[in-house]
Amino acid sequence: MPDTAPKLQFHVESRRIDSHGSLSHCKSAEIALDTDMAGNPEAFNPAELLLAALSACMIKRGDGRSVYRLWHLCHGLQPTRFPFRL
Protein backbone atom coordinates (compact mmCIF):
# COMPACT_ATOMS: atom_id res chain seq x y z
CA MET A 1 0.00 0.00 0.00
CA PRO A 2 1.57 3.36 -1.02
CA ASP A 3 2.30 5.99 1.59
CA THR A 4 -0.30 8.74 1.23
CA ALA A 5 1.33 11.62 3.06
CA PRO A 6 -0.60 14.88 2.79
CA LYS A 7 0.66 17.34 0.19
CA LEU A 8 2.18 20.61 1.30
CA GLN A 9 -0.08 23.59 0.85
CA PHE A 10 0.94 27.22 0.66
CA HIS A 11 -1.06 30.43 0.63
CA VAL A 12 0.59 33.66 -0.53
CA GLU A 13 -1.28 36.84 -1.38
CA SER A 14 0.35 39.61 -3.42
CA ARG A 15 -1.08 42.95 -4.41
CA ARG A 16 0.15 46.07 -6.12
CA ILE A 17 0.24 49.08 -3.80
CA ASP A 18 1.07 51.74 -6.38
CA SER A 19 3.06 52.10 -9.61
CA HIS A 20 6.33 51.57 -7.70
CA GLY A 21 5.79 48.45 -5.66
CA SER A 22 3.76 45.56 -4.34
CA LEU A 23 3.39 43.60 -1.11
CA SER A 24 3.22 39.86 -0.56
CA HIS A 25 1.76 38.27 2.57
CA CYS A 26 2.22 34.74 3.85
CA LYS A 27 1.16 33.69 7.36
CA SER A 28 2.00 36.76 9.47
CA ALA A 29 4.97 37.83 7.30
CA GLU A 30 5.07 40.62 4.74
CA ILE A 31 7.67 41.43 2.09
CA ALA A 32 7.96 44.41 -0.23
CA LEU A 33 8.32 43.58 -3.92
CA ASP A 34 10.02 45.74 -6.55
CA THR A 35 7.55 45.81 -9.43
CA ASP A 36 8.63 49.23 -10.73
CA MET A 37 10.38 49.19 -14.12
CA ALA A 38 12.75 51.89 -12.82
CA GLY A 39 13.70 49.75 -9.81
CA ASN A 40 13.21 50.19 -6.08
CA PRO A 41 16.26 49.89 -3.81
CA GLU A 42 14.06 49.22 -0.76
CA ALA A 43 12.43 46.04 -2.13
CA PHE A 44 13.34 42.68 -3.66
CA ASN A 45 13.00 42.40 -7.43
CA PRO A 46 11.78 39.01 -8.74
CA ALA A 47 15.31 37.66 -9.39
CA GLU A 48 16.54 38.72 -5.94
CA LEU A 49 13.47 37.18 -4.33
CA LEU A 50 14.09 33.90 -6.15
CA LEU A 51 17.74 33.84 -5.03
CA ALA A 52 16.72 34.68 -1.46
CA ALA A 53 14.25 31.78 -1.47
CA LEU A 54 16.90 29.43 -2.85
CA SER A 55 19.42 30.51 -0.22
CA ALA A 56 16.82 30.05 2.54
CA CYS A 57 16.25 26.47 1.35
CA MET A 58 19.99 25.80 1.38
CA ILE A 59 20.42 27.28 4.84
CA LYS A 60 17.40 25.42 6.21
CA ARG A 61 18.73 22.11 4.86
CA GLY A 62 22.06 22.83 6.51
CA ASP A 63 24.21 22.52 3.40
CA GLY A 64 24.42 26.26 2.77
CA ARG A 65 27.57 26.69 4.83
CA SER A 66 29.53 24.11 2.86
CA VAL A 67 28.29 25.38 -0.51
CA TYR A 68 29.21 28.98 0.33
CA ARG A 69 32.63 27.85 1.55
CA LEU A 70 33.20 25.88 -1.65
CA TRP A 71 32.26 28.86 -3.85
CA HIS A 72 34.51 31.10 -1.77
CA LEU A 73 37.49 28.75 -2.13
CA CYS A 74 36.98 28.08 -5.83
CA HIS A 75 36.03 31.54 -7.03
CA GLY A 76 37.33 33.96 -4.39
CA LEU A 77 33.82 35.27 -3.70
CA GLN A 78 32.33 36.52 -0.50
CA PRO A 79 30.63 33.59 1.27
CA THR A 80 27.31 35.45 1.43
CA ARG A 81 27.06 36.12 -2.33
CA PHE A 82 25.97 33.95 -5.21
CA PRO A 83 28.51 33.47 -8.03
CA PHE A 84 26.00 34.11 -10.78
CA ARG A 85 23.73 36.83 -12.07
CA LEU A 86 20.30 36.66 -13.66
C-alpha atoms as a PDB file:
ATOM      1  CA  MET A   1       0.000   0.000   0.000  1.00  0.00           C
ATOM      2  CA  PRO A   2       1.565   3.361  -1.019  1.00  0.00           C
ATOM      3  CA  ASP A   3       2.300   5.993   1.594  1.00  0.00           C
ATOM      4  CA  THR A   4      -0.302   8.739   1.232  1.00  0.00           C
ATOM      5  CA  ALA A   5       1.328  11.618   3.056  1.00  0.00           C
ATOM      6  CA  PRO A   6      -0.602  14.883   2.791  1.00  0.00           C
ATOM      7  CA  LYS A   7       0.663  17.337   0.192  1.00  0.00           C
ATOM      8  CA  LEU A   8       2.182  20.610   1.303  1.00  0.00           C
ATOM      9  CA  GLN A   9      -0.084  23.589   0.849  1.00  0.00           C
ATOM     10  CA  PHE A  10       0.938  27.223   0.657  1.00  0.00           C
ATOM     11  CA  HIS A  11      -1.063  30.427   0.635  1.00  0.00           C
ATOM     12  CA  VAL A  12       0.587  33.659  -0.532  1.00  0.00           C
ATOM     13  CA  GLU A  13      -1.283  36.840  -1.378  1.00  0.00           C
ATOM     14  CA  SER A  14       0.345  39.608  -3.422  1.00  0.00           C
ATOM     15  CA  ARG A  15      -1.084  42.952  -4.411  1.00  0.00           C
ATOM     16  CA  ARG A  16       0.150  46.073  -6.124  1.00  0.00           C
ATOM     17  CA  ILE A  17       0.241  49.083  -3.803  1.00  0.00           C
ATOM     18  CA  ASP A  18       1.075  51.740  -6.384  1.00  0.00           C
ATOM     19  CA  SER A  19       3.057  52.102  -9.611  1.00  0.00           C
ATOM     20  CA  HIS A  20       6.326  51.574  -7.705  1.00  0.00           C
ATOM     21  CA  GLY A  21       5.789  48.450  -5.661  1.00  0.00           C
ATOM     22  CA  SER A  22       3.762  45.559  -4.345  1.00  0.00           C
ATOM     23  CA  LEU A  23       3.388  43.600  -1.115  1.00  0.00           C
ATOM     24  CA  SER A  24       3.218  39.865  -0.561  1.00  0.00           C
ATOM     25  CA  HIS A  25       1.758  38.271   2.571  1.00  0.00           C
ATOM     26  CA  CYS A  26       2.216  34.743   3.848  1.00  0.00           C
ATOM     27  CA  LYS A  27       1.161  33.694   7.357  1.00  0.00           C
ATOM     28  CA  SER A  28       1.999  36.761   9.468  1.00  0.00           C
ATOM     29  CA  ALA A  29       4.970  37.833   7.301  1.00  0.00           C
ATOM     30  CA  GLU A  30       5.073  40.620   4.744  1.00  0.00           C
ATOM     31  CA  ILE A  31       7.671  41.426   2.086  1.00  0.00           C
ATOM     32  CA  ALA A  32       7.957  44.413  -0.227  1.00  0.00           C
ATOM     33  CA  LEU A  33       8.318  43.581  -3.924  1.00  0.00           C
ATOM     34  CA  ASP A  34      10.018  45.736  -6.546  1.00  0.00           C
ATOM     35  CA  THR A  35       7.553  45.811  -9.430  1.00  0.00           C
ATOM     36  CA  ASP A  36       8.633  49.226 -10.733  1.00  0.00           C
ATOM     37  CA  MET A  37      10.378  49.192 -14.121  1.00  0.00           C
ATOM     38  CA  ALA A  38      12.751  51.889 -12.815  1.00  0.00           C
ATOM     39  CA  GLY A  39      13.701  49.752  -9.806  1.00  0.00           C
ATOM     40  CA  ASN A  40      13.210  50.186  -6.082  1.00  0.00           C
ATOM     41  CA  PRO A  41      16.260  49.895  -3.813  1.00  0.00           C
ATOM     42  CA  GLU A  42      14.058  49.218  -0.756  1.00  0.00           C
ATOM     43  CA  ALA A  43      12.426  46.043  -2.129  1.00  0.00           C
ATOM     44  CA  PHE A  44      13.336  42.682  -3.660  1.00  0.00           C
ATOM     45  CA  ASN A  45      13.000  42.405  -7.432  1.00  0.00           C
ATOM     46  CA  PRO A  46      11.776  39.011  -8.737  1.00  0.00           C
ATOM     47  CA  ALA A  47      15.306  37.655  -9.393  1.00  0.00           C
ATOM     48  CA  GLU A  48      16.542  38.716  -5.938  1.00  0.00           C
ATOM     49  CA  LEU A  49      13.466  37.176  -4.329  1.00  0.00           C
ATOM     50  CA  LEU A  50      14.089  33.895  -6.154  1.00  0.00           C
ATOM     51  CA  LEU A  51      17.741  33.836  -5.034  1.00  0.00           C
ATOM     52  CA  ALA A  52      16.722  34.681  -1.458  1.00  0.00           C
ATOM     53  CA  ALA A  53      14.246  31.778  -1.470  1.00  0.00           C
ATOM     54  CA  LEU A  54      16.899  29.428  -2.854  1.00  0.00           C
ATOM     55  CA  SER A  55      19.420  30.507  -0.225  1.00  0.00           C
ATOM     56  CA  ALA A  56      16.815  30.053   2.536  1.00  0.00           C
ATOM     57  CA  CYS A  57      16.245  26.468   1.352  1.00  0.00           C
ATOM     58  CA  MET A  58      19.986  25.795   1.376  1.00  0.00           C
ATOM     59  CA  ILE A  59      20.421  27.280   4.841  1.00  0.00           C
ATOM     60  CA  LYS A  60      17.400  25.421   6.212  1.00  0.00           C
ATOM     61  CA  ARG A  61      18.730  22.114   4.859  1.00  0.00           C
ATOM     62  CA  GLY A  62      22.064  22.825   6.514  1.00  0.00           C
ATOM     63  CA  ASP A  63      24.213  22.523   3.402  1.00  0.00           C
ATOM     64  CA  GLY A  64      24.422  26.264   2.770  1.00  0.00           C
ATOM     65  CA  ARG A  65      27.566  26.689   4.831  1.00  0.00           C
ATOM     66  CA  SER A  66      29.527  24.110   2.860  1.00  0.00           C
ATOM     67  CA  VAL A  67      28.294  25.375  -0.514  1.00  0.00           C
ATOM     68  CA  TYR A  68      29.213  28.976   0.326  1.00  0.00           C
ATOM     69  CA  ARG A  69      32.629  27.854   1.548  1.00  0.00           C
ATOM     70  CA  LEU A  70      33.203  25.875  -1.650  1.00  0.00           C
ATOM     71  CA  TRP A  71      32.261  28.861  -3.851  1.00  0.00           C
ATOM     72  CA  HIS A  72      34.514  31.104  -1.767  1.00  0.00           C
ATOM     73  CA  LEU A  73      37.489  28.751  -2.134  1.00  0.00           C
ATOM     74  CA  CYS A  74      36.980  28.076  -5.835  1.00  0.00           C
ATOM     75  CA  HIS A  75      36.031  31.540  -7.027  1.00  0.00           C
ATOM     76  CA  GLY A  76      37.334  33.959  -4.388  1.00  0.00           C
ATOM     77  CA  LEU A  77      33.824  35.266  -3.701  1.00  0.00           C
ATOM     78  CA  GLN A  78      32.331  36.515  -0.500  1.00  0.00           C
ATOM     79  CA  PRO A  79      30.630  33.588   1.275  1.00  0.00           C
ATOM     80  CA  THR A  80      27.306  35.449   1.429  1.00  0.00           C
ATOM     81  CA  ARG A  81      27.062  36.119  -2.333  1.00  0.00           C
ATOM     82  CA  PHE A  82      25.967  33.949  -5.208  1.00  0.00           C
ATOM     83  CA  PRO A  83      28.513  33.472  -8.029  1.00  0.00           C
ATOM     84  CA  PHE A  84      25.999  34.111 -10.784  1.00  0.00           C
ATOM     85  CA  ARG A  85      23.727  36.828 -12.067  1.00  0.00           C
ATOM     86  CA  LEU A  86      20.298  36.662 -13.664  1.00  0.00           C
END
